């Protein structure tokens, strides 16, 4: 799916959230039955497996070890060794990744699926939940939790009780009492992970084609937009340069590497220009849908015209309408790109700089250029500093 198409569809969608109220009648539970069930509940809460998510301690006595456990779960979830897929395209700009948020949801799903099973054995499940988190006089009251943690547990347990599975979670849960999260660090962790995968994929591609880049060799890969042509520089070995260029331009490898570089840009990247980026978006969309490159078309009365005299946007709309899904947003898409094409035509295609991207390569790793943050192997000390500054402990 093209990036711009996703943007368009996102703008067209409207999310409706249905809130459902449920009335639950409390019934008095015989004391011996309640006591027996609560013992079972305590055993279930404190159950802990030897590895993975089940190591999290949900018992009434301690969640102190959860910080180290979360770190192990996160690291284990994202240890993936790339093997040769046998396809022409090996490099992928987006690789499967379990974010900290994904793992938090898994932990809470595992936790509350168990607790919900116990809650539902009570004659009055909602009353039992209220006793645990709102009734300080109840023998079931969780005094070991903070007020915020009790509220989170109440919210999460009622979500499961009323909906069968949580659709939304209160993340101030006791499961994460000793784990500090930071949105910026979380986003940067994802970029570091993607770089590690692309580094491995590039090595698979080189190995497959018996290309050896000597240790200490510092290369630069430069990729032009739309055609995704690669130029390699940094070595006097012309045969090596030619081999690398050929293998990177096989399949969609150069396109995927281009997209990876784009997704790895930091806010201070000297390679990013909003004007060049918008030109790239518009030109790429037209090329991928119609097959026409803007630079090859004539501009008549401010409109890009195909060799047979048709308005490019008319061709674009016709192509979109061939797809039942794209047809629904075709009018919006045409309106959006009409504005962009008008700007390019008025300024002149060659007047606006091309969105050309470069990345360095040395010692088995891609290394970002023109920005303060690099995601290459051994280049992420800045991320360790960020985590220390924000208190992130995983």
Protein backbone atom coordinates (compact mmCIF):
# COMPACT_ATOMS: atom_id res chain seq x y z
CA UNK A 1 0.00 0.00 0.00
CA UNK A 2 1.37 3.41 -0.92
CA UNK A 3 2.08 5.85 1.89
CA UNK A 4 -0.08 8.59 0.44
CA UNK A 5 -2.99 6.22 -0.09
CA UNK A 6 -2.85 5.30 3.57
CA UNK A 7 -2.84 8.98 4.48
CA UNK A 8 -5.92 9.59 2.35
CA UNK A 9 -7.81 6.66 3.77
CA UNK A 10 -6.95 7.72 7.30
CA UNK A 11 -8.41 11.15 6.66
CA UNK A 12 -11.65 9.62 5.34
CA UNK A 13 -12.25 7.29 8.24
CA UNK A 14 -14.25 8.26 11.32
CA UNK A 15 -14.07 6.04 14.36
CA UNK A 16 -17.30 5.45 16.32
CA UNK A 17 -16.86 4.29 19.88
CA UNK A 18 -19.78 2.45 21.36
CA UNK A 19 -20.02 2.59 25.11
CA UNK A 20 -22.07 -0.11 26.71
CA UNK A 21 -23.47 0.04 30.24
CA UNK A 22 -24.12 -3.13 32.16
CA UNK A 23 -26.15 -3.49 35.34
CA UNK A 24 -25.02 -6.28 37.61
CA UNK A 25 -27.00 -7.34 40.65
CA UNK A 26 -25.01 -8.16 43.78
CA UNK A 27 -25.79 -11.35 45.60
CA UNK A 28 -24.43 -12.40 48.96
CA UNK A 29 -21.90 -15.22 48.73
CA UNK A 30 -21.70 -17.83 51.50
CA UNK A 31 -18.61 -17.22 53.58
CA UNK A 32 -17.00 -20.65 53.11
CA UNK A 33 -17.43 -20.52 49.31
CA UNK A 34 -16.04 -16.99 49.09
CA UNK A 35 -13.02 -17.93 51.19
CA UNK A 36 -12.29 -20.98 49.07
CA UNK A 37 -12.56 -19.04 45.84
CA UNK A 38 -10.36 -16.24 47.14
CA UNK A 39 -7.66 -18.75 47.99
CA UNK A 40 -7.88 -20.02 44.45
CA UNK A 41 -7.70 -16.43 43.23
CA UNK A 42 -4.56 -15.78 45.26
CA UNK A 43 -2.90 -18.94 43.95
CA UNK A 44 -3.83 -17.96 40.40
CA UNK A 45 -2.52 -14.43 40.80
CA UNK A 46 0.81 -15.53 42.22
CA UNK A 47 1.40 -18.30 39.67
CA UNK A 48 4.66 -17.65 37.83
CA UNK A 49 6.24 -19.57 34.94
CA UNK A 50 9.96 -19.89 34.39
CA UNK A 51 10.14 -17.57 31.41
CA UNK A 52 8.33 -14.96 29.35
CA UNK A 53 5.26 -13.00 30.30
CA UNK A 54 4.19 -15.50 32.95
CA UNK A 55 7.17 -14.45 35.06
CA UNK A 56 5.36 -11.25 35.99
CA UNK A 57 4.39 -11.25 39.64
CA UNK A 58 0.75 -10.25 40.20
CA UNK A 59 0.56 -11.48 43.80
CA UNK A 60 -0.51 -9.43 46.79
CA UNK A 61 3.01 -9.36 48.18
CA UNK A 62 5.33 -8.09 45.48
CA UNK A 63 5.72 -6.67 42.00
CA UNK A 64 9.29 -5.62 42.74
CA UNK A 65 10.90 -7.86 40.14
CA UNK A 66 8.82 -6.67 37.22
CA UNK A 67 11.36 -4.18 35.86
CA UNK A 68 13.96 -6.81 35.09
CA UNK A 69 11.34 -9.23 33.85
CA UNK A 70 9.88 -6.68 31.43
CA UNK A 71 13.34 -6.05 30.00
CA UNK A 72 13.86 -9.77 29.41
CA UNK A 73 10.45 -10.17 27.79
CA UNK A 74 11.04 -7.17 25.50
CA UNK A 75 14.51 -8.32 24.46
CA UNK A 76 13.40 -11.91 23.87
CA UNK A 77 10.43 -10.80 21.76
CA UNK A 78 12.69 -8.96 19.32
CA UNK A 79 15.60 -11.32 18.85
CA UNK A 80 15.11 -12.29 15.21
CA UNK A 81 17.86 -13.67 13.01
CA UNK A 82 17.40 -12.91 9.32
CA UNK A 83 17.81 -15.87 6.97
CA UNK A 84 17.87 -15.85 3.18
CA UNK A 85 14.21 -15.86 2.04
CA UNK A 86 15.19 -16.95 -1.45
CA UNK A 87 13.31 -14.01 -2.97
CA UNK A 88 14.87 -11.35 -5.16
CA UNK A 89 13.90 -8.62 -2.72
CA UNK A 90 15.58 -9.20 0.64
CA UNK A 91 15.63 -5.75 2.24
CA UNK A 92 12.41 -4.68 3.97
CA UNK A 93 11.90 -1.16 5.29
CA UNK A 94 9.30 -2.39 7.79
CA UNK A 95 9.94 -5.60 9.72
CA UNK A 96 7.77 -7.37 12.33
CA UNK A 97 8.41 -5.77 15.69
CA UNK A 98 6.87 -6.06 19.14
CA UNK A 99 6.93 -2.64 20.72
CA UNK A 100 6.90 -1.93 24.42
CA UNK A 101 3.22 -1.09 24.06
CA UNK A 102 2.51 -4.40 22.32
CA UNK A 103 4.20 -6.26 25.14
CA UNK A 104 2.38 -4.29 27.81
CA UNK A 105 -0.93 -5.29 26.22
CA UNK A 106 0.15 -8.94 26.07
CA UNK A 107 1.11 -8.85 29.73
CA UNK A 108 -2.21 -7.31 30.72
CA UNK A 109 -4.17 -9.72 28.52
CA UNK A 110 -2.42 -12.67 30.16
CA UNK A 111 -2.95 -11.23 33.60
CA UNK A 112 -6.59 -10.21 33.31
CA UNK A 113 -7.76 -13.23 31.34
CA UNK A 114 -6.83 -15.27 34.41
CA UNK A 115 -8.28 -12.82 36.90
CA UNK A 116 -11.48 -12.46 34.88
CA UNK A 117 -11.97 -16.22 34.97
CA UNK A 118 -11.93 -16.08 38.77
CA UNK A 119 -14.12 -12.97 38.97
CA UNK A 120 -16.80 -14.69 36.88
CA UNK A 121 -17.03 -17.58 39.33
CA UNK A 122 -18.38 -15.18 41.94
CA UNK A 123 -22.14 -14.86 42.29
CA UNK A 124 -21.65 -11.09 42.07
CA UNK A 125 -18.51 -10.46 39.96
CA UNK A 126 -18.89 -6.67 39.87
CA UNK A 127 -19.45 -6.51 43.62
CA UNK A 128 -16.35 -8.62 44.18
CA UNK A 129 -14.28 -6.27 42.00
CA UNK A 130 -15.62 -3.26 43.89
CA UNK A 131 -14.73 -4.92 47.18
CA UNK A 132 -11.16 -5.45 46.04
CA UNK A 133 -10.55 -1.91 44.86
CA UNK A 134 -13.15 0.39 46.42
CA UNK A 135 -14.21 -1.11 49.76
CA UNK A 136 -11.47 -0.66 52.35
CA UNK A 137 -13.50 -2.69 54.88
CA UNK A 138 -13.65 -5.77 52.68
CA UNK A 139 -11.33 -8.71 53.47
CA UNK A 140 -10.55 -8.74 49.74
CA UNK A 141 -9.41 -5.09 49.64
CA UNK A 142 -6.04 -4.66 47.89
CA UNK A 143 -4.33 -2.39 50.40
CA UNK A 144 -0.97 -3.35 48.91
CA UNK A 145 -1.79 -1.33 45.78
CA UNK A 146 -1.65 2.41 45.42
CA UNK A 147 -4.86 4.36 44.71
CA UNK A 148 -3.87 4.70 41.05
CA UNK A 149 -3.10 0.97 40.79
CA UNK A 150 -6.43 0.05 42.37
CA UNK A 151 -8.22 2.30 39.89
CA UNK A 152 -6.30 0.70 37.02
CA UNK A 153 -7.16 -2.80 38.24
CA UNK A 154 -10.82 -1.81 38.62
CA UNK A 155 -10.91 -0.33 35.12
CA UNK A 156 -9.16 -3.32 33.57
CA UNK A 157 -11.18 -5.99 35.35
CA UNK A 158 -14.50 -4.35 34.51
CA UNK A 159 -13.42 -4.03 30.87
CA UNK A 160 -12.93 -7.79 30.77
CA UNK A 161 -16.08 -8.50 32.75
CA UNK A 162 -18.38 -6.42 30.56
CA UNK A 163 -16.75 -6.91 27.14
CA UNK A 164 -15.19 -10.36 27.32
CA UNK A 165 -11.77 -8.85 26.61
CA UNK A 166 -10.34 -5.40 27.20
CA UNK A 167 -10.74 -2.95 24.34
CA UNK A 168 -8.94 -0.25 26.33
CA UNK A 169 -6.46 -0.56 29.17
CA UNK A 170 -5.51 1.64 32.09
CA UNK A 171 -1.72 1.31 31.94
CA UNK A 172 -1.12 2.54 35.49
CA UNK A 173 -1.38 -1.10 36.42
CA UNK A 174 0.65 -2.61 39.24
CA UNK A 175 2.27 -4.94 36.72
CA UNK A 176 4.35 -1.94 35.65
CA UNK A 177 4.97 -0.40 39.08
CA UNK A 178 8.73 -0.53 38.73
CA UNK A 179 8.96 -0.08 34.97
CA UNK A 180 9.42 3.42 33.52
CA UNK A 181 8.25 4.11 29.99
CA UNK A 182 8.99 7.05 27.72
CA UNK A 183 7.36 7.65 24.35
CA UNK A 184 10.47 9.08 22.70
CA UNK A 185 12.68 6.22 23.89
CA UNK A 186 10.04 3.74 22.75
CA UNK A 187 10.03 5.23 19.23
CA UNK A 188 13.83 5.23 19.07
CA UNK A 189 14.01 1.60 20.21
CA UNK A 190 11.85 0.70 17.23
CA UNK A 191 14.21 2.49 14.83
CA UNK A 192 17.25 0.74 16.30
CA UNK A 193 15.49 -2.59 15.87
CA UNK A 194 14.58 -1.86 12.23
CA UNK A 195 18.20 -0.92 11.53
CA UNK A 196 19.43 -4.21 13.01
CA UNK A 197 17.08 -6.12 10.71
CA UNK A 198 18.04 -4.16 7.59
CA UNK A 199 21.74 -4.62 8.44
CA UNK A 200 21.19 -8.39 8.53
CA UNK A 201 19.15 -8.34 5.33
CA UNK A 202 21.85 -6.38 3.52
CA UNK A 203 24.45 -8.90 4.68
CA UNK A 204 22.27 -11.77 3.41
CA UNK A 205 22.09 -10.01 0.04
CA UNK A 206 25.86 -9.52 -0.07
CA UNK A 207 26.59 -13.10 1.00
CA UNK A 208 24.19 -14.53 -1.56
CA UNK A 209 26.09 -12.73 -4.30
CA UNK A 210 29.54 -13.52 -2.85
CA UNK A 211 30.32 -9.84 -2.27
CA UNK A 212 32.90 -9.12 0.44
CA UNK A 213 33.35 -5.57 1.67
CA UNK A 214 36.74 -5.31 3.43
CA UNK A 215 36.79 -4.32 7.10
CA UNK A 216 37.34 -0.60 7.49
CA UNK A 217 35.93 0.26 4.06
CA UNK A 218 33.64 3.29 4.34
CA UNK A 219 31.01 3.49 1.61
CA UNK A 220 28.10 5.80 0.89
CA UNK A 221 24.90 4.61 -0.79
CA UNK A 222 22.97 7.40 -2.55
CA UNK A 223 19.49 6.68 -3.92
CA UNK A 224 17.39 8.87 -6.23
CA UNK A 225 13.60 8.90 -5.82
CA UNK A 226 11.00 7.34 -8.15
CA UNK A 227 13.49 5.17 -10.09
CA UNK A 228 15.40 4.30 -6.88
CA UNK A 229 18.72 4.16 -8.69
CA UNK A 230 21.70 3.52 -6.39
CA UNK A 231 25.11 5.13 -6.65
CA UNK A 232 27.86 3.72 -4.41
CA UNK A 233 30.94 5.79 -3.58
CA UNK A 234 33.89 5.59 -1.19
CA UNK A 235 36.09 2.94 -2.80
CA UNK A 236 38.53 2.85 -5.70
CA UNK A 237 37.57 -0.77 -6.36
CA UNK A 238 35.32 -0.23 -9.39
CA UNK A 239 34.35 -3.91 -9.61
CA UNK A 240 33.19 -3.89 -5.98
CA UNK A 241 31.21 -0.69 -6.54
CA UNK A 242 29.52 -2.14 -9.63
CA UNK A 243 28.65 -5.39 -7.85
CA UNK A 244 27.07 -3.60 -4.90
CA UNK A 245 25.07 -1.26 -7.14
CA UNK A 246 23.74 -4.17 -9.18
CA UNK A 247 22.68 -6.23 -6.20
CA UNK A 248 21.03 -3.27 -4.44
CA UNK A 249 19.05 -2.48 -7.57
CA UNK A 250 17.76 -6.04 -7.91
CA UNK A 251 14.07 -6.47 -7.12
CA UNK A 252 12.79 -3.73 -4.81
CA UNK A 253 15.89 -3.70 -2.62
CA UNK A 254 16.88 -0.11 -3.48
CA UNK A 255 13.31 1.12 -2.94
CA UNK A 256 13.10 -0.59 0.43
CA UNK A 257 16.49 0.82 1.44
CA UNK A 258 15.33 4.29 0.36
CA UNK A 259 12.21 3.95 2.53
CA UNK A 260 14.32 2.71 5.44
CA UNK A 261 16.58 5.76 5.21
CA UNK A 262 13.51 8.01 5.08
CA UNK A 263 11.96 6.36 8.14
CA UNK A 264 15.27 6.66 10.02
CA UNK A 265 15.52 10.43 9.64
CA UNK A 266 15.63 12.45 12.84
CA UNK A 267 14.10 15.90 13.27
CA UNK A 268 17.40 17.65 12.56
CA UNK A 269 18.22 15.72 9.38
CA UNK A 270 19.92 17.90 6.78
CA UNK A 271 18.66 15.51 4.10
CA UNK A 272 15.03 16.37 4.72
CA UNK A 273 13.34 19.18 2.82
CA UNK A 274 9.56 19.50 3.06
CA UNK A 275 9.39 20.92 -0.47
CA UNK A 276 11.46 18.04 -1.91
CA UNK A 277 9.52 15.49 0.13
CA UNK A 278 6.13 16.72 -1.15
CA UNK A 279 7.44 16.63 -4.70
CA UNK A 280 8.57 13.04 -4.15
CA UNK A 281 5.20 12.03 -2.70
CA UNK A 282 3.24 13.49 -5.62
CA UNK A 283 5.59 12.23 -8.34
CA UNK A 284 5.74 8.75 -6.83
CA UNK A 285 1.97 8.50 -6.49
CA UNK A 286 1.44 9.51 -10.12
CA UNK A 287 4.13 7.12 -11.33
CA UNK A 288 2.93 4.12 -9.31
CA UNK A 289 -0.73 4.57 -10.31
CA UNK A 290 -0.47 5.80 -13.91
CA UNK A 291 3.02 4.78 -14.98
CA UNK A 292 3.84 8.35 -16.03
CA UNK A 293 6.76 10.28 -14.57
CA UNK A 294 6.08 13.99 -14.04
CA UNK A 295 9.50 14.97 -15.37
CA UNK A 296 8.65 13.40 -18.74
CA UNK A 297 5.30 15.17 -19.19
CA UNK A 298 4.42 18.49 -20.77
CA UNK A 299 2.69 21.19 -18.75
CA UNK A 300 -0.19 22.90 -20.59
CA UNK A 301 -2.22 25.62 -18.85
CA UNK A 302 -0.83 24.52 -15.48
CA UNK A 303 -1.83 20.87 -16.01
CA UNK A 304 0.38 17.83 -16.57
CA UNK A 305 -0.65 16.27 -19.87
CA UNK A 306 0.08 12.73 -21.13
CA UNK A 307 1.55 12.11 -24.62
CA UNK A 308 -1.95 11.39 -25.97
CA UNK A 309 -3.22 14.75 -24.70
CA UNK A 310 -5.09 13.66 -21.56
CA UNK A 311 -5.00 15.40 -18.20
CA UNK A 312 -2.78 13.23 -15.97
CA UNK A 313 -5.26 13.52 -13.10
CA UNK A 314 -8.05 12.11 -15.30
CA UNK A 315 -5.88 9.06 -15.95
CA UNK A 316 -5.07 8.87 -12.25
CA UNK A 317 -8.75 8.92 -11.27
CA UNK A 318 -9.66 6.25 -13.81
CA UNK A 319 -6.97 3.95 -12.46
CA UNK A 320 -8.11 4.45 -8.86
CA UNK A 321 -11.71 3.71 -9.78
CA UNK A 322 -10.74 0.29 -11.11
CA UNK A 323 -10.18 -0.74 -7.50
CA UNK A 324 -13.43 -1.01 -5.45
CA UNK A 325 -11.63 0.18 -2.31
CA UNK A 326 -9.72 3.04 -3.94
CA UNK A 327 -12.85 4.14 -5.79
CA UNK A 328 -14.39 5.39 -2.55
CA UNK A 329 -11.57 7.88 -1.96
CA UNK A 330 -10.71 8.71 -5.59
CA UNK A 331 -12.33 12.16 -5.53
CA UNK A 332 -10.49 13.14 -2.36
CA UNK A 333 -7.21 11.82 -3.77
CA UNK A 334 -7.61 13.79 -7.01
CA UNK A 335 -8.36 16.96 -5.07
CA UNK A 336 -5.31 16.49 -2.86
CA UNK A 337 -2.91 15.82 -5.71
CA UNK A 338 -4.36 18.48 -7.97
CA UNK A 339 -3.15 21.04 -5.44
CA UNK A 340 0.30 19.41 -5.22
CA UNK A 341 0.71 19.08 -8.99
CA UNK A 342 -0.31 22.70 -9.50
CA UNK A 343 2.46 23.81 -7.13
CA UNK A 344 5.06 21.69 -8.92
CA UNK A 345 3.92 22.85 -12.36
CA UNK A 346 3.96 26.49 -11.31
CA UNK A 347 7.43 26.29 -9.76
CA UNK A 348 8.86 24.00 -12.43
CA UNK A 349 9.73 20.34 -11.82
CA UNK A 350 13.50 20.88 -12.03
CA UNK A 351 13.36 23.99 -9.85
CA UNK A 352 12.28 21.96 -6.80
CA UNK A 353 15.13 19.75 -5.52
CA UNK A 354 14.75 15.97 -5.74
CA UNK A 355 14.36 14.01 -2.53
CA UNK A 356 17.72 12.22 -2.82
CA UNK A 357 18.79 10.21 0.22
CA UNK A 358 22.16 8.84 1.31
CA UNK A 359 23.39 6.51 4.02
CA UNK A 360 26.90 5.38 4.97
CA UNK A 361 28.05 1.79 5.39
CA UNK A 362 31.03 0.42 7.29
CA UNK A 363 31.95 -2.72 9.20
CA UNK A 364 28.66 -4.51 8.61
CA UNK A 365 26.32 -1.64 9.49
CA UNK A 366 24.45 1.17 7.80
CA UNK A 367 25.18 4.54 9.45
CA UNK A 368 23.01 7.63 9.21
CA UNK A 369 24.39 10.85 7.78
CA UNK A 370 23.46 14.49 8.22
CA UNK A 371 21.72 14.07 11.57
CA UNK A 372 22.58 13.93 15.26
CA UNK A 373 21.11 10.46 15.80
CA UNK A 374 22.51 7.36 14.15
CA UNK A 375 20.97 3.92 14.52
CA UNK A 376 23.99 1.93 13.31
CA UNK A 377 25.74 -0.77 15.31
CA UNK A 378 27.71 0.88 18.12
CA UNK A 379 26.30 4.33 17.30
CA UNK A 380 23.47 4.48 19.86
CA UNK A 381 25.15 5.81 22.99
CA UNK A 382 22.84 8.82 22.68
CA UNK A 383 19.86 6.47 23.26
CA UNK A 384 21.43 5.12 26.46
CA UNK A 385 21.79 8.72 27.65
CA UNK A 386 18.15 9.46 26.77
CA UNK A 387 16.98 6.43 28.74
CA UNK A 388 19.01 7.44 31.78
CA UNK A 389 17.65 10.98 31.60
CA UNK A 390 14.04 9.80 31.36
CA UNK A 391 14.37 7.00 33.90
CA UNK A 392 13.69 4.21 31.42
CA UNK A 393 14.94 1.01 33.04
CA UNK A 394 14.55 -1.68 30.42
